[in-house]
Amino acid sequence: MSHSTCRKAPGLAAVALPGAPDFLTVEEAAALLRVNRKTLYESIRLGQVPGIVRLGRVLRIRRSALVNWMPGNSGPALGEKKP
């Protein structure tokens, strides 16, 4: 198996490994949630994602909040507005 066939999603290694960073970029969080980056940005805008930290224009997401978050079928899907 060649090195090129073992590609991982960008940022996934930083999410899955023990000792991973406490705060994730949007790209890393999207990889963890297995959603499109644009979908995650829209969900953040709608206030649907826990653990968001804004540092000026930079967004970081607390990894522990995402890991412990259990979005269910009781509400809208990520990126959809509440009725």
PDB file of N, CA and C in Angstrom:
ATOM      1  N   MET A   1       0.853  -1.182   0.000  1.00  0.00           N
ATOM      2  CA  MET A   1       0.000   0.000   0.000  1.00  0.00           C
ATOM      3  C   MET A   1       0.889   1.233   0.000  1.00  0.00           C
ATOM      4  N   SER A   2       0.699   2.110  -0.938  1.00  0.00           N
ATOM      5  CA  SER A   2       1.536   3.294  -1.046  1.00  0.00           C
ATOM      6  C   SER A   2       1.064   4.374  -0.072  1.00  0.00           C
ATOM      7  N   HIS A   3       1.928   5.312   0.174  1.00  0.00           N
ATOM      8  CA  HIS A   3       1.618   6.407   1.093  1.00  0.00           C
ATOM      9  C   HIS A   3       0.425   7.223   0.614  1.00  0.00           C
ATOM     10  N   SER A   4       0.294   7.403  -0.692  1.00  0.00           N
ATOM     11  CA  SER A   4      -0.781   8.236  -1.223  1.00  0.00           C
ATOM     12  C   SER A   4      -2.158   7.605  -1.059  1.00  0.00           C
ATOM     13  N   THR A   5      -2.248   6.273  -0.869  1.00  0.00           N
ATOM     14  CA  THR A   5      -3.548   5.628  -0.698  1.00  0.00           C
ATOM     15  C   THR A   5      -4.024   5.676   0.741  1.00  0.00           C
ATOM     16  N   CYS A   6      -3.203   6.155   1.650  1.00  0.00           N
ATOM     17  CA  CYS A   6      -3.558   6.212   3.065  1.00  0.00           C
ATOM     18  C   CYS A   6      -3.892   7.621   3.506  1.00  0.00           C
ATOM     19  N   ARG A   7      -4.418   8.432   2.624  1.00  0.00           N
ATOM     20  CA  ARG A   7      -4.715   9.824   2.959  1.00  0.00           C
ATOM     21  C   ARG A   7      -5.861   9.910   3.951  1.00  0.00           C
ATOM     22  N   LYS A   8      -5.747  10.859   4.845  1.00  0.00           N
ATOM     23  CA  LYS A   8      -6.805  11.135   5.808  1.00  0.00           C
ATOM     24  C   LYS A   8      -7.399  12.494   5.486  1.00  0.00           C
ATOM     25  N   ALA A   9      -8.578  12.731   5.998  1.00  0.00           N
ATOM     26  CA  ALA A   9      -9.199  14.039   5.832  1.00  0.00           C
ATOM     27  C   ALA A   9      -8.323  15.088   6.503  1.00  0.00           C
ATOM     28  N   PRO A  10      -8.260  16.301   5.961  1.00  0.00           N
ATOM     29  CA  PRO A  10      -7.446  17.349   6.580  1.00  0.00           C
ATOM     30  C   PRO A  10      -7.869  17.594   8.015  1.00  0.00           C
ATOM     31  N   GLY A  11      -6.890  17.616   8.903  1.00  0.00           N
ATOM     32  CA  GLY A  11      -7.177  17.906  10.292  1.00  0.00           C
ATOM     33  C   GLY A  11      -7.675  16.731  11.097  1.00  0.00           C
ATOM     34  N   LEU A  12      -7.964  15.590  10.468  1.00  0.00           N
ATOM     35  CA  LEU A  12      -8.523  14.455  11.194  1.00  0.00           C
ATOM     36  C   LEU A  12      -7.525  13.886  12.185  1.00  0.00           C
ATOM     37  N   ALA A  13      -6.244  13.866  11.848  1.00  0.00           N
ATOM     38  CA  ALA A  13      -5.237  13.346  12.758  1.00  0.00           C
ATOM     39  C   ALA A  13      -5.197  14.170  14.043  1.00  0.00           C
ATOM     40  N   ALA A  14      -5.380  15.466  13.940  1.00  0.00           N
ATOM     41  CA  ALA A  14      -5.367  16.326  15.123  1.00  0.00           C
ATOM     42  C   ALA A  14      -6.585  16.118  15.994  1.00  0.00           C
ATOM     43  N   VAL A  15      -7.617  15.501  15.474  1.00  0.00           N
ATOM     44  CA  VAL A  15      -8.852  15.286  16.209  1.00  0.00           C
ATOM     45  C   VAL A  15      -8.860  13.924  16.874  1.00  0.00           C
ATOM     46  N   ALA A  16      -8.344  12.901  16.201  1.00  0.00           N
ATOM     47  CA  ALA A  16      -8.481  11.527  16.636  1.00  0.00           C
ATOM     48  C   ALA A  16      -7.393  11.065  17.598  1.00  0.00           C
ATOM     49  N   LEU A  17      -6.259  11.685  17.612  1.00  0.00           N
ATOM     50  CA  LEU A  17      -5.141  11.214  18.422  1.00  0.00           C
ATOM     51  C   LEU A  17      -5.266  11.627  19.876  1.00  0.00           C
ATOM     52  N   PRO A  18      -4.792  10.745  20.794  1.00  0.00           N
ATOM     53  CA  PRO A  18      -4.716  11.167  22.193  1.00  0.00           C
ATOM     54  C   PRO A  18      -3.805  12.387  22.286  1.00  0.00           C
ATOM     55  N   GLY A  19      -4.125  13.290  23.161  1.00  0.00           N
ATOM     56  CA  GLY A  19      -3.344  14.505  23.280  1.00  0.00           C
ATOM     57  C   GLY A  19      -3.662  15.513  22.190  1.00  0.00           C
ATOM     58  N   ALA A  20      -4.806  15.325  21.508  1.00  0.00           N
ATOM     59  CA  ALA A  20      -5.219  16.262  20.468  1.00  0.00           C
ATOM     60  C   ALA A  20      -5.437  17.629  21.092  1.00  0.00           C
ATOM     61  N   PRO A  21      -5.382  18.692  20.292  1.00  0.00           N
ATOM     62  CA  PRO A  21      -5.555  20.041  20.841  1.00  0.00           C
ATOM     63  C   PRO A  21      -6.935  20.228  21.462  1.00  0.00           C
ATOM     64  N   ASP A  22      -7.000  21.093  22.472  1.00  0.00           N
ATOM     65  CA  ASP A  22      -8.270  21.377  23.141  1.00  0.00           C
ATOM     66  C   ASP A  22      -9.220  22.157  22.247  1.00  0.00           C
ATOM     67  N   PHE A  23      -8.680  22.967  21.356  1.00  0.00           N
ATOM     68  CA  PHE A  23      -9.499  23.774  20.456  1.00  0.00           C
ATOM     69  C   PHE A  23      -9.202  23.387  19.015  1.00  0.00           C
ATOM     70  N   LEU A  24     -10.258  23.254  18.228  1.00  0.00           N
ATOM     71  CA  LEU A  24     -10.140  22.838  16.840  1.00  0.00           C
ATOM     72  C   LEU A  24     -10.454  23.986  15.901  1.00  0.00           C
ATOM     73  N   THR A  25      -9.864  23.937  14.730  1.00  0.00           N
ATOM     74  CA  THR A  25     -10.251  24.856  13.676  1.00  0.00           C
ATOM     75  C   THR A  25     -11.598  24.376  13.131  1.00  0.00           C
ATOM     76  N   VAL A  26     -12.248  25.187  12.336  1.00  0.00           N
ATOM     77  CA  VAL A  26     -13.520  24.791  11.730  1.00  0.00           C
ATOM     78  C   VAL A  26     -13.300  23.578  10.831  1.00  0.00           C
ATOM     79  N   GLU A  27     -12.200  23.551  10.112  1.00  0.00           N
ATOM     80  CA  GLU A  27     -11.908  22.421   9.233  1.00  0.00           C
ATOM     81  C   GLU A  27     -11.746  21.125  10.032  1.00  0.00           C
ATOM     82  N   GLU A  28     -11.025  21.185  11.144  1.00  0.00           N
ATOM     83  CA  GLU A  28     -10.846  20.000  11.987  1.00  0.00           C
ATOM     84  C   GLU A  28     -12.162  19.544  12.598  1.00  0.00           C
ATOM     85  N   ALA A  29     -12.977  20.507  13.066  1.00  0.00           N
ATOM     86  CA  ALA A  29     -14.275  20.170  13.653  1.00  0.00           C
ATOM     87  C   ALA A  29     -15.210  19.561  12.613  1.00  0.00           C
ATOM     88  N   ALA A  30     -15.178  20.075  11.389  1.00  0.00           N
ATOM     89  CA  ALA A  30     -16.006  19.520  10.316  1.00  0.00           C
ATOM     90  C   ALA A  30     -15.593  18.078  10.027  1.00  0.00           C
ATOM     91  N   ALA A  31     -14.295  17.806  10.055  1.00  0.00           N
ATOM     92  CA  ALA A  31     -13.811  16.440   9.842  1.00  0.00           C
ATOM     93  C   ALA A  31     -14.295  15.528  10.969  1.00  0.00           C
ATOM     94  N   LEU A  32     -14.256  16.015  12.205  1.00  0.00           N
ATOM     95  CA  LEU A  32     -14.723  15.229  13.347  1.00  0.00           C
ATOM     96  C   LEU A  32     -16.211  14.910  13.221  1.00  0.00           C
ATOM     97  N   LEU A  33     -16.993  15.900  12.820  1.00  0.00           N
ATOM     98  CA  LEU A  33     -18.443  15.725  12.684  1.00  0.00           C
ATOM     99  C   LEU A  33     -18.840  15.079  11.354  1.00  0.00           C
ATOM    100  N   ARG A  34     -17.881  14.975  10.443  1.00  0.00           N
ATOM    101  CA  ARG A  34     -18.117  14.433   9.101  1.00  0.00           C
ATOM    102  C   ARG A  34     -19.185  15.226   8.346  1.00  0.00           C
ATOM    103  N   VAL A  35     -19.025  16.539   8.406  1.00  0.00           N
ATOM    104  CA  VAL A  35     -19.902  17.438   7.655  1.00  0.00           C
ATOM    105  C   VAL A  35     -19.036  18.365   6.822  1.00  0.00           C
ATOM    106  N   ASN A  36     -19.644  18.998   5.852  1.00  0.00           N
ATOM    107  CA  ASN A  36     -18.986  19.968   5.008  1.00  0.00           C
ATOM    108  C   ASN A  36     -18.647  21.206   5.841  1.00  0.00           C
ATOM    109  N   ARG A  37     -17.524  21.827   5.550  1.00  0.00           N
ATOM    110  CA  ARG A  37     -17.084  23.030   6.271  1.00  0.00           C
ATOM    111  C   ARG A  37     -18.134  24.143   6.180  1.00  0.00           C
ATOM    112  N   LYS A  38     -18.750  24.317   5.001  1.00  0.00           N
ATOM    113  CA  LYS A  38     -19.775  25.355   4.844  1.00  0.00           C
ATOM    114  C   LYS A  38     -20.995  25.064   5.711  1.00  0.00           C
ATOM    115  N   THR A  39     -21.360  23.800   5.829  1.00  0.00           N
ATOM    116  CA  THR A  39     -22.481  23.409   6.693  1.00  0.00           C
ATOM    117  C   THR A  39     -22.177  23.759   8.138  1.00  0.00           C
ATOM    118  N   LEU A  40     -20.944  23.497   8.567  1.00  0.00           N
ATOM    119  CA  LEU A  40     -20.566  23.812   9.941  1.00  0.00           C
ATOM    120  C   LEU A  40     -20.572  25.318  10.179  1.00  0.00           C
ATOM    121  N   TYR A  41     -20.070  26.100   9.228  1.00  0.00           N
ATOM    122  CA  TYR A  41     -20.112  27.559   9.373  1.00  0.00           C
ATOM    123  C   TYR A  41     -21.557  28.052   9.517  1.00  0.00           C
ATOM    124  N   GLU A  42     -22.468  27.513   8.728  1.00  0.00           N
ATOM    125  CA  GLU A  42     -23.874  27.919   8.811  1.00  0.00           C
ATOM    126  C   GLU A  42     -24.471  27.523  10.159  1.00  0.00           C
ATOM    127  N   SER A  43     -24.137  26.347  10.650  1.00  0.00           N
ATOM    128  CA  SER A  43     -24.635  25.886  11.944  1.00  0.00           C
ATOM    129  C   SER A  43     -24.110  26.758  13.080  1.00  0.00           C
ATOM    130  N   ILE A  44     -22.861  27.178  12.960  1.00  0.00           N
ATOM    131  CA  ILE A  44     -22.283  28.091  13.955  1.00  0.00           C
ATOM    132  C   ILE A  44     -23.032  29.415  13.915  1.00  0.00           C
ATOM    133  N   ARG A  45     -23.290  29.926  12.704  1.00  0.00           N
ATOM    134  CA  ARG A  45     -24.015  31.198  12.552  1.00  0.00           C
ATOM    135  C   ARG A  45     -25.402  31.115  13.186  1.00  0.00           C
ATOM    136  N   LEU A  46     -26.051  29.951  13.072  1.00  0.00           N
ATOM    137  CA  LEU A  46     -27.386  29.758  13.636  1.00  0.00           C
ATOM    138  C   LEU A  46     -27.369  29.437  15.136  1.00  0.00           C
ATOM    139  N   GLY A  47     -26.177  29.330  15.729  1.00  0.00           N
ATOM    140  CA  GLY A  47     -26.066  29.053  17.152  1.00  0.00           C
ATOM    141  C   GLY A  47     -26.350  27.606  17.525  1.00  0.00           C
ATOM    142  N   GLN A  48     -26.161  26.673  16.600  1.00  0.00           N
ATOM    143  CA  GLN A  48     -26.474  25.274  16.838  1.00  0.00           C
ATOM    144  C   GLN A  48     -25.299  24.458  17.364  1.00  0.00           C
ATOM    145  N   VAL A  49     -24.103  25.008  17.356  1.00  0.00           N
ATOM    146  CA  VAL A  49     -22.906  24.252  17.715  1.00  0.00           C
ATOM    147  C   VAL A  49     -22.362  24.756  19.054  1.00  0.00           C
ATOM    148  N   PRO A  50     -22.109  23.838  19.996  1.00  0.00           N
ATOM    149  CA  PRO A  50     -21.570  24.249  21.296  1.00  0.00           C
ATOM    150  C   PRO A  50     -20.054  24.454  21.249  1.00  0.00           C
ATOM    151  N   GLY A  51     -19.537  25.183  22.225  1.00  0.00           N
ATOM    152  CA  GLY A  51     -18.099  25.303  22.400  1.00  0.00           C
ATOM    153  C   GLY A  51     -17.397  26.267  21.466  1.00  0.00           C
ATOM    154  N   ILE A  52     -18.135  27.208  20.898  1.00  0.00           N
ATOM    155  CA  ILE A  52     -17.541  28.161  19.955  1.00  0.00           C
ATOM    156  C   ILE A  52     -16.814  29.265  20.722  1.00  0.00           C
ATOM    157  N   VAL A  53     -15.593  29.540  20.302  1.00  0.00           N
ATOM    158  CA  VAL A  53     -14.804  30.631  20.869  1.00  0.00           C
ATOM    159  C   VAL A  53     -14.402  31.530  19.713  1.00  0.00           C
ATOM    160  N   ARG A  54     -14.721  32.803  19.840  1.00  0.00           N
ATOM    161  CA  ARG A  54     -14.355  33.783  18.809  1.00  0.00           C
ATOM    162  C   ARG A  54     -13.212  34.639  19.335  1.00  0.00           C
ATOM    163  N   LEU A  55     -12.156  34.684  18.556  1.00  0.00           N
ATOM    164  CA  LEU A  55     -10.999  35.518  18.871  1.00  0.00           C
ATOM    165  C   LEU A  55     -10.837  36.481  17.706  1.00  0.00           C
ATOM    166  N   GLY A  56     -11.519  37.608  17.796  1.00  0.00           N
ATOM    167  CA  GLY A  56     -11.560  38.513  16.653  1.00  0.00           C
ATOM    168  C   GLY A  56     -12.346  37.852  15.531  1.00  0.00           C
ATOM    169  N   ARG A  57     -11.711  37.661  14.381  1.00  0.00           N
ATOM    170  CA  ARG A  57     -12.371  36.999  13.247  1.00  0.00           C
ATOM    171  C   ARG A  57     -12.108  35.497  13.226  1.00  0.00           C
ATOM    172  N   VAL A  58     -11.290  35.016  14.157  1.00  0.00           N
ATOM    173  CA  VAL A  58     -10.911  33.606  14.181  1.00  0.00           C
ATOM    174  C   VAL A  58     -11.901  32.813  15.036  1.00  0.00           C
ATOM    175  N   LEU A  59     -12.337  31.673  14.505  1.00  0.00           N
ATOM    176  CA  LEU A  59     -13.220  30.776  15.246  1.00  0.00           C
ATOM    177  C   LEU A  59     -12.444  29.547  15.684  1.00  0.00           C
ATOM    178  N   ARG A  60     -12.633  29.141  16.911  1.00  0.00           N
ATOM    179  CA  ARG A  60     -12.115  27.876  17.403  1.00  0.00           C
ATOM    180  C   ARG A  60     -13.267  27.180  18.113  1.00  0.00           C
ATOM    181  N   ILE A  61     -13.232  25.864  18.119  1.00  0.00           N
ATOM    182  CA  ILE A  61     -14.302  25.082  18.713  1.00  0.00           C
ATOM    183  C   ILE A  61     -13.698  24.131  19.732  1.00  0.00           C
ATOM    184  N   ARG A  62     -14.226  24.173  20.939  1.00  0.00           N
ATOM    185  CA  ARG A  62     -13.715  23.316  22.007  1.00  0.00           C
ATOM    186  C   ARG A  62     -14.007  21.855  21.653  1.00  0.00           C
ATOM    187  N   ARG A  63     -12.943  21.069  21.542  1.00  0.00           N
ATOM    188  CA  ARG A  63     -13.070  19.660  21.152  1.00  0.00           C
ATOM    189  C   ARG A  63     -13.959  18.889  22.115  1.00  0.00           C
ATOM    190  N   SER A  64     -13.801  19.105  23.417  1.00  0.00           N
ATOM    191  CA  SER A  64     -14.594  18.366  24.406  1.00  0.00           C
ATOM    192  C   SER A  64     -16.088  18.655  24.261  1.00  0.00           C
ATOM    193  N   ALA A  65     -16.446  19.880  23.884  1.00  0.00           N
ATOM    194  CA  ALA A  65     -17.860  20.217  23.685  1.00  0.00           C
ATOM    195  C   ALA A  65     -18.438  19.442  22.509  1.00  0.00           C
ATOM    196  N   LEU A  66     -17.654  19.296  21.436  1.00  0.00           N
ATOM    197  CA  LEU A  66     -18.136  18.545  20.270  1.00  0.00           C
ATOM    198  C   LEU A  66     -18.236  17.060  20.570  1.00  0.00           C
ATOM    199  N   VAL A  67     -17.243  16.525  21.266  1.00  0.00           N
ATOM    200  CA  VAL A  67     -17.231  15.092  21.570  1.00  0.00           C
ATOM    201  C   VAL A  67     -18.403  14.725  22.468  1.00  0.00           C
ATOM    202  N   ASN A  68     -18.742  15.600  23.409  1.00  0.00           N
ATOM    203  CA  ASN A  68     -19.832  15.328  24.354  1.00  0.00           C
ATOM    204  C   ASN A  68     -21.205  15.738  23.821  1.00  0.00           C
ATOM    205  N   TRP A  69     -21.235  16.477  22.726  1.00  0.00           N
ATOM    206  CA  TRP A  69     -22.481  16.968  22.140  1.00  0.00           C
ATOM    207  C   TRP A  69     -23.184  15.836  21.418  1.00  0.00           C
ATOM    208  N   MET A  70     -24.451  15.686  21.673  1.00  0.00           N
ATOM    209  CA  MET A  70     -25.228  14.617  21.057  1.00  0.00           C
ATOM    210  C   MET A  70     -26.391  15.210  20.285  1.00  0.00           C
ATOM    211  N   PRO A  71     -26.144  15.755  19.071  1.00  0.00           N
ATOM    212  CA  PRO A  71     -27.276  16.284  18.313  1.00  0.00           C
ATOM    213  C   PRO A  71     -28.214  15.142  17.962  1.00  0.00           C
ATOM    214  N   GLY A  72     -29.493  15.358  18.192  1.00  0.00           N
ATOM    215  CA  GLY A  72     -30.449  14.293  17.946  1.00  0.00           C
ATOM    216  C   GLY A  72     -31.470  14.673  16.899  1.00  0.00           C
ATOM    217  N   ASN A  73     -32.467  13.859  16.775  1.00  0.00           N
ATOM    218  CA  ASN A  73     -33.521  14.089  15.795  1.00  0.00           C
ATOM    219  C   ASN A  73     -34.624  14.995  16.329  1.00  0.00           C
ATOM    220  N   SER A  74     -34.418  15.573  17.494  1.00  0.00           N
ATOM    221  CA  SER A  74     -35.457  16.424  18.073  1.00  0.00           C
ATOM    222  C   SER A  74     -35.439  17.838  17.512  1.00  0.00           C
ATOM    223  N   GLY A  75     -34.419  18.182  16.750  1.00  0.00           N
ATOM    224  CA  GLY A  75     -34.324  19.535  16.217  1.00  0.00           C
ATOM    225  C   GLY A  75     -33.935  19.516  14.757  1.00  0.00           C
ATOM    226  N   PRO A  76     -33.712  20.690  14.197  1.00  0.00           N
ATOM    227  CA  PRO A  76     -33.341  20.773  12.788  1.00  0.00           C
ATOM    228  C   PRO A  76     -31.945  20.192  12.551  1.00  0.00           C
ATOM    229  N   ALA A  77     -31.683  19.778  11.348  1.00  0.00           N
ATOM    230  CA  ALA A  77     -30.365  19.278  10.978  1.00  0.00           C
ATOM    231  C   ALA A  77     -29.371  20.432  11.011  1.00  0.00           C
ATOM    232  N   LEU A  78     -28.085  20.096  11.082  1.00  0.00           N
ATOM    233  CA  LEU A  78     -27.070  21.133  11.072  1.00  0.00           C
ATOM    234  C   LEU A  78     -27.254  22.026   9.861  1.00  0.00           C
ATOM    235  N   GLY A  79     -27.240  23.321  10.096  1.00  0.00           N
ATOM    236  CA  GLY A  79     -27.371  24.286   9.019  1.00  0.00           C
ATOM    237  C   GLY A  79     -28.800  24.682   8.676  1.00  0.00           C
ATOM    238  N   GLU A  80     -29.798  23.990   9.248  1.00  0.00           N
ATOM    239  CA  GLU A  80     -31.189  24.345   8.980  1.00  0.00           C
ATOM    240  C   GLU A  80     -31.713  25.240  10.087  1.00  0.00           C
ATOM    241  N   LYS A  81     -32.527  26.201   9.718  1.00  0.00           N
ATOM    242  CA  LYS A  81     -33.107  27.108  10.681  1.00  0.00           C
ATOM    243  C   LYS A  81     -34.199  26.404  11.476  1.00  0.00           C
ATOM    244  N   LYS A  82     -34.352  26.847  12.730  1.00  0.00           N
ATOM    245  CA  LYS A  82     -35.409  26.307  13.583  1.00  0.00           C
ATOM    246  C   LYS A  82     -36.760  26.783  13.066  1.00  0.00           C
ATOM    247  N   PRO A  83     -37.791  25.934  13.173  1.00  0.00           N
ATOM    248  CA  PRO A  83     -39.121  26.351  12.693  1.00  0.00           C
ATOM    249  C   PRO A  83     -39.701  27.470  13.512  1.00  0.00           C
TER     250      PRO A  83
END
